[in-house]
Amino acid sequence: MSSSSLVVRLLVLCACVSYIACARILCVIPTSNKSHYTTFETLALELARRGHELVVINHFPQDEGGAVKGLVDVDTRGYLFTMVSATDVVSIGTIPSNTVFNLADLYELIDTSEGVFQVPAVAKLINSTDSSTFDLLIVEMFHTDMFLGFVHKFPNAPLIGFSSGNIPSWLNARYGNPDNPSYIPSFISEFTPRMTFLQRVQNSVLVLLSKFVYNVYYQSKSDFYAKKYFGNDLPPVTVLAEKAALLLVNSHFSLYGAKPLMPNVVEIGGIQIRPVKQLPQVNIDIYFY
């Protein structure tokens, strides 16, 4: 075989070979709300399907019979207060909305999230001496940043934030995202982008109030728990939050209206919707007489 022929064959062989770099990803979804996990589950399953290895701290582990290869659940059941409620569709519109109560409920939710640290597998991760265990961190950013201690624990892993609903007002600043209250409704309001003057004034108050409560009260409590479990040498969670490179938001302009977003804020609303299964073929003539 001539050398030129060998070179050609090697080039053809190289063209047929593909290189795949799979990552080891730590995911933290520290709530017991099924709605918070549904969208993220779709993302996690797809990442696992593409060959990545995921360790997911969550309240809704896979069924043993249908577990996906590459996705390891860290089960928080028994350590978190289970939030399960049901209502009929007609009654949803009659549920009262109270901004003060909403913010107070989220504040109390921070205490319940401490239970995640009691999970043995989570404690093992925190006490690990290997700082290169993970290549990427995906953390839900909603009511608390206490789990951003993992950013300090694994400093080489980039941080991606995940919001299970419309982006909260307090998240906009850390991503440089505009949130002009004159046409961008607060996520705790019932306003649409088309607001009257009075509604704009109310919306401005809600945006400022939610940011104040989060930055002063929420973050101080999150700092307390973060230092309690990750150590007193941990930087403030507000500093760790600034290391976030990307935010995935479970929202869509068709529901919340069009608004400006920075390139590092990506709407992924609807990814949990799977292709419709084909209905079985039935001879409808048998139903007619």
Protein backbone atom coordinates (compact mmCIF):
# COMPACT_ATOMS: atom_id res chain seq x y z
CA MET A 1 0.00 0.00 0.00
CA SER A 2 1.41 3.36 -1.01
CA SER A 3 1.96 6.08 1.57
CA SER A 4 -0.45 8.43 -0.23
CA SER A 5 -3.21 5.81 -0.13
CA LEU A 6 -2.58 5.27 3.57
CA VAL A 7 -2.83 9.00 4.24
CA VAL A 8 -6.13 9.20 2.36
CA ARG A 9 -7.57 6.31 4.35
CA LEU A 10 -6.45 7.85 7.62
CA LEU A 11 -8.05 11.17 6.69
CA VAL A 12 -11.33 9.43 5.84
CA LEU A 13 -11.17 7.55 9.15
CA CYS A 14 -10.56 10.78 11.08
CA ALA A 15 -13.53 12.39 9.36
CA CYS A 16 -15.76 9.57 10.60
CA VAL A 17 -14.65 9.89 14.22
CA SER A 18 -16.51 12.36 16.44
CA TYR A 19 -15.27 13.73 19.75
CA ILE A 20 -17.70 13.99 22.64
CA ALA A 21 -16.81 15.71 25.92
CA CYS A 22 -19.33 14.82 28.60
CA ALA A 23 -19.60 16.81 31.81
CA ARG A 24 -20.34 15.88 35.40
CA ILE A 25 -23.10 18.20 36.59
CA LEU A 26 -24.43 18.93 40.08
CA CYS A 27 -28.04 20.16 40.12
CA VAL A 28 -29.82 21.57 43.17
CA ILE A 29 -33.62 21.97 43.19
CA PRO A 30 -34.27 22.62 46.91
CA THR A 31 -38.08 22.79 46.96
CA SER A 32 -40.81 20.20 47.31
CA ASN A 33 -43.11 21.80 44.73
CA LYS A 34 -43.76 19.48 41.82
CA SER A 35 -44.30 22.45 39.51
CA HIS A 36 -40.77 23.65 40.26
CA TYR A 37 -39.28 20.34 39.18
CA THR A 38 -41.35 19.45 36.11
CA THR A 39 -39.55 21.74 33.68
CA PHE A 40 -36.12 21.05 35.13
CA GLU A 41 -36.70 17.30 34.94
CA THR A 42 -37.06 17.57 31.16
CA LEU A 43 -33.74 19.40 30.96
CA ALA A 44 -32.00 16.90 33.24
CA LEU A 45 -33.27 13.87 31.32
CA GLU A 46 -32.13 15.33 28.01
CA LEU A 47 -28.66 16.11 29.39
CA ALA A 48 -28.40 12.53 30.66
CA ARG A 49 -29.59 11.19 27.31
CA ARG A 50 -26.78 13.08 25.61
CA GLY A 51 -24.18 11.37 27.75
CA HIS A 52 -23.65 13.77 30.63
CA GLU A 53 -23.51 12.53 34.21
CA LEU A 54 -25.87 14.32 36.60
CA VAL A 55 -26.25 14.32 40.36
CA VAL A 56 -29.63 15.92 41.05
CA ILE A 57 -30.69 16.98 44.55
CA ASN A 58 -34.49 16.94 44.35
CA HIS A 59 -37.76 15.87 45.94
CA PHE A 60 -39.06 13.79 43.03
CA PRO A 61 -36.62 10.95 42.24
CA GLN A 62 -37.11 8.64 39.29
CA ASP A 63 -38.98 5.38 39.60
CA GLU A 64 -36.59 2.50 40.10
CA GLY A 65 -37.89 0.69 37.06
CA GLY A 66 -37.54 3.69 34.75
CA ALA A 67 -34.31 5.25 35.99
CA VAL A 68 -32.26 6.94 33.28
CA LYS A 69 -28.61 6.00 32.94
CA GLY A 70 -26.32 8.84 33.97
CA LEU A 71 -28.83 10.56 36.25
CA VAL A 72 -28.38 9.99 39.98
CA ASP A 73 -31.07 11.33 42.32
CA VAL A 74 -30.28 12.61 45.79
CA ASP A 75 -33.67 12.12 47.42
CA THR A 76 -34.81 14.90 49.79
CA ARG A 77 -38.09 13.23 50.71
CA GLY A 78 -38.40 13.03 54.47
CA TYR A 79 -36.14 16.06 54.90
CA LEU A 80 -38.35 18.73 53.30
CA PHE A 81 -41.89 19.75 54.13
CA THR A 82 -44.03 18.27 51.37
CA MET A 83 -46.05 20.97 49.66
CA VAL A 84 -48.98 19.26 47.98
CA SER A 85 -52.25 20.98 47.23
CA ALA A 86 -54.98 20.53 44.69
CA THR A 87 -57.78 22.69 43.38
CA ASP A 88 -60.10 22.59 40.43
CA VAL A 89 -59.52 24.80 37.42
CA VAL A 90 -62.62 26.92 38.06
CA SER A 91 -61.43 27.85 41.57
CA ILE A 92 -57.93 28.97 40.56
CA GLY A 93 -59.10 32.44 39.58
CA THR A 94 -60.78 32.95 42.96
CA ILE A 95 -57.65 32.33 45.03
CA PRO A 96 -56.79 35.65 46.74
CA SER A 97 -53.40 37.20 46.04
CA ASN A 98 -51.70 39.10 48.85
CA THR A 99 -48.22 40.45 48.19
CA VAL A 100 -47.22 40.68 51.85
CA PHE A 101 -48.34 37.12 52.54
CA ASN A 102 -46.59 35.86 49.40
CA LEU A 103 -43.29 37.38 50.48
CA ALA A 104 -43.78 36.12 54.04
CA ASP A 105 -44.48 32.59 52.82
CA LEU A 106 -41.31 32.59 50.73
CA TYR A 107 -39.35 33.85 53.74
CA GLU A 108 -40.58 30.92 55.83
CA LEU A 109 -39.75 28.55 52.98
CA ILE A 110 -36.06 29.35 53.52
CA ASP A 111 -36.20 27.61 56.91
CA THR A 112 -37.78 24.48 55.45
CA SER A 113 -35.09 24.31 52.75
CA GLU A 114 -32.47 23.79 55.46
CA GLY A 115 -33.62 20.17 55.54
CA VAL A 116 -31.69 19.54 52.32
CA PHE A 117 -28.45 19.86 54.29
CA GLN A 118 -29.57 17.00 56.55
CA VAL A 119 -29.54 14.52 53.66
CA PRO A 120 -26.47 12.26 54.16
CA ALA A 121 -25.47 12.42 50.48
CA VAL A 122 -25.56 16.23 50.56
CA ALA A 123 -23.45 16.33 53.73
CA LYS A 124 -20.97 14.00 52.01
CA LEU A 125 -20.69 16.40 49.06
CA ILE A 126 -20.08 19.35 51.38
CA ASN A 127 -17.38 17.47 53.30
CA SER A 128 -15.68 16.22 50.14
CA THR A 129 -12.03 17.20 49.79
CA ASP A 130 -12.06 17.00 45.98
CA SER A 131 -12.80 20.47 44.58
CA SER A 132 -12.82 19.22 40.97
CA THR A 133 -15.68 16.74 41.39
CA PHE A 134 -18.07 18.63 39.08
CA ASP A 135 -17.70 20.47 35.78
CA LEU A 136 -20.94 22.47 36.05
CA LEU A 137 -23.44 23.62 38.67
CA ILE A 138 -27.14 24.20 37.99
CA VAL A 139 -28.97 25.71 40.96
CA GLU A 140 -32.57 26.85 41.25
CA MET A 141 -32.69 30.56 42.05
CA PHE A 142 -35.96 31.46 43.67
CA HIS A 143 -36.35 32.06 47.40
CA THR A 144 -32.84 31.36 48.69
CA ASP A 145 -29.19 31.42 47.65
CA MET A 146 -27.95 29.30 50.55
CA PHE A 147 -26.97 26.47 48.20
CA LEU A 148 -24.58 28.72 46.31
CA GLY A 149 -22.05 27.51 48.84
CA PHE A 150 -21.40 24.78 46.28
CA VAL A 151 -19.96 27.51 44.03
CA HIS A 152 -17.27 28.06 46.65
CA LYS A 153 -16.90 24.32 47.21
CA PHE A 154 -16.35 23.60 43.51
CA PRO A 155 -14.67 26.81 42.25
CA ASN A 156 -13.81 25.45 38.81
CA ALA A 157 -17.42 24.68 37.92
CA PRO A 158 -19.39 27.46 36.14
CA LEU A 159 -22.77 28.34 37.64
CA ILE A 160 -26.06 28.27 35.76
CA GLY A 161 -29.18 29.56 37.49
CA PHE A 162 -32.61 28.08 36.93
CA SER A 163 -35.92 29.85 37.55
CA SER A 164 -38.98 27.61 37.62
CA GLY A 165 -41.30 30.50 36.71
CA ASN A 166 -41.22 34.07 35.48
CA ILE A 167 -38.00 35.77 36.53
CA PRO A 168 -38.30 37.34 40.03
CA SER A 169 -37.51 41.04 40.30
CA TRP A 170 -34.52 40.41 42.56
CA LEU A 171 -32.75 38.23 39.98
CA ASN A 172 -32.58 40.89 37.28
CA ALA A 173 -29.75 42.88 38.84
CA ARG A 174 -27.29 39.99 39.08
CA TYR A 175 -27.69 39.30 35.36
CA GLY A 176 -27.78 42.94 34.28
CA ASN A 177 -31.32 42.43 33.06
CA PRO A 178 -33.57 45.52 32.68
CA ASP A 179 -36.76 45.54 34.75
CA ASN A 180 -38.45 48.86 34.06
CA PRO A 181 -41.62 48.74 36.23
CA SER A 182 -43.53 50.99 33.82
CA TYR A 183 -44.09 48.08 31.44
CA ILE A 184 -42.56 44.97 33.07
CA PRO A 185 -44.93 43.63 35.75
CA SER A 186 -43.54 42.38 39.04
CA PHE A 187 -43.70 38.59 39.24
CA ILE A 188 -45.80 38.87 42.42
CA SER A 189 -48.38 41.15 40.79
CA GLU A 190 -51.40 40.38 38.64
CA PHE A 191 -50.67 43.17 36.17
CA THR A 192 -50.15 42.79 32.43
CA PRO A 193 -47.61 44.81 30.41
CA ARG A 194 -50.44 47.23 29.51
CA MET A 195 -50.84 49.05 32.84
CA THR A 196 -52.67 52.21 33.76
CA PHE A 197 -50.77 55.02 35.49
CA LEU A 198 -52.00 53.89 38.92
CA GLN A 199 -51.02 50.29 38.18
CA ARG A 200 -47.56 51.44 37.15
CA VAL A 201 -47.18 53.23 40.47
CA GLN A 202 -48.34 50.12 42.33
CA ASN A 203 -46.06 47.93 40.24
CA SER A 204 -43.08 50.17 41.00
CA VAL A 205 -43.78 49.84 44.72
CA LEU A 206 -44.03 46.04 44.40
CA VAL A 207 -40.73 45.80 42.53
CA LEU A 208 -38.91 47.98 45.07
CA LEU A 209 -40.54 46.19 48.01
CA SER A 210 -39.69 42.70 46.77
CA LYS A 211 -36.07 43.69 46.08
CA PHE A 212 -35.72 45.28 49.51
CA VAL A 213 -37.23 42.30 51.34
CA TYR A 214 -35.10 39.82 49.38
CA ASN A 215 -31.79 41.67 49.69
CA VAL A 216 -32.21 42.59 53.36
CA TYR A 217 -34.16 39.72 54.91
CA TYR A 218 -33.94 36.74 52.57
CA GLN A 219 -30.23 37.05 51.91
CA SER A 220 -29.30 37.50 55.57
CA LYS A 221 -31.08 34.26 56.45
CA SER A 222 -29.56 32.49 53.44
CA ASP A 223 -26.12 33.68 54.56
CA PHE A 224 -26.74 32.27 58.04
CA TYR A 225 -27.58 28.80 56.77
CA ALA A 226 -24.85 28.81 54.12
CA LYS A 227 -22.14 29.63 56.66
CA LYS A 228 -23.62 27.12 59.10
CA TYR A 229 -23.03 24.21 56.72
CA PHE A 230 -20.27 25.38 54.35
CA GLY A 231 -18.15 27.14 56.98
CA ASN A 232 -17.64 30.66 58.26
CA ASP A 233 -14.99 31.35 55.62
CA LEU A 234 -17.71 31.26 52.95
CA PRO A 235 -18.08 34.56 51.04
CA PRO A 236 -21.51 36.26 51.24
CA VAL A 237 -24.08 34.58 49.02
CA THR A 238 -24.57 37.90 47.22
CA VAL A 239 -20.94 37.67 46.07
CA LEU A 240 -21.32 34.02 45.03
CA ALA A 241 -24.49 34.87 43.09
CA GLU A 242 -22.53 37.29 40.91
CA LYS A 243 -20.60 34.32 39.47
CA ALA A 244 -23.70 33.05 37.67
CA ALA A 245 -22.99 32.88 33.94
CA LEU A 246 -26.47 32.03 32.64
CA LEU A 247 -30.10 31.99 33.77
CA LEU A 248 -32.65 29.58 32.33
CA VAL A 249 -36.18 30.90 32.87
CA ASN A 250 -39.36 28.86 32.62
CA SER A 251 -41.33 31.62 30.91
CA HIS A 252 -42.48 32.58 27.43
CA PHE A 253 -43.42 35.88 25.83
CA SER A 254 -46.80 34.47 24.82
CA LEU A 255 -47.74 34.30 28.51
CA TYR A 256 -45.87 37.21 30.09
CA GLY A 257 -45.50 39.57 27.17
CA ALA A 258 -42.40 40.65 25.28
CA LYS A 259 -39.63 42.24 27.33
CA PRO A 260 -35.90 42.92 26.90
CA LEU A 261 -33.59 40.12 28.03
CA MET A 262 -29.82 40.04 28.21
CA PRO A 263 -28.09 37.31 26.16
CA ASN A 264 -27.33 35.42 29.39
CA VAL A 265 -31.04 35.14 30.26
CA VAL A 266 -32.78 32.49 28.17
CA GLU A 267 -36.49 31.67 28.19
CA ILE A 268 -37.10 27.91 28.00
CA GLY A 269 -40.84 27.83 28.70
CA GLY A 270 -42.52 24.86 27.07
CA ILE A 271 -39.60 22.42 26.98
CA GLN A 272 -41.57 20.09 29.22
CA ILE A 273 -44.20 19.66 26.49
CA ARG A 274 -43.54 16.37 24.79
CA PRO A 275 -44.70 15.31 21.30
CA VAL A 276 -48.31 14.17 21.24
CA LYS A 277 -48.67 10.41 21.04
CA GLN A 278 -50.59 9.14 18.06
CA LEU A 279 -54.09 7.96 18.89
CA PRO A 280 -54.82 4.29 18.20
CA GLN A 281 -56.57 3.59 14.93
CA VAL A 282 -60.19 2.70 15.60
CA ASN A 283 -62.93 1.82 13.15
CA ILE A 284 -65.50 4.47 14.06
CA ASP A 285 -68.17 2.77 11.95
CA ILE A 286 -68.85 0.32 14.76
CA TYR A 287 -70.17 3.20 16.89
CA PHE A 288 -72.86 4.14 14.38
CA TYR A 289 -76.06 2.20 13.94
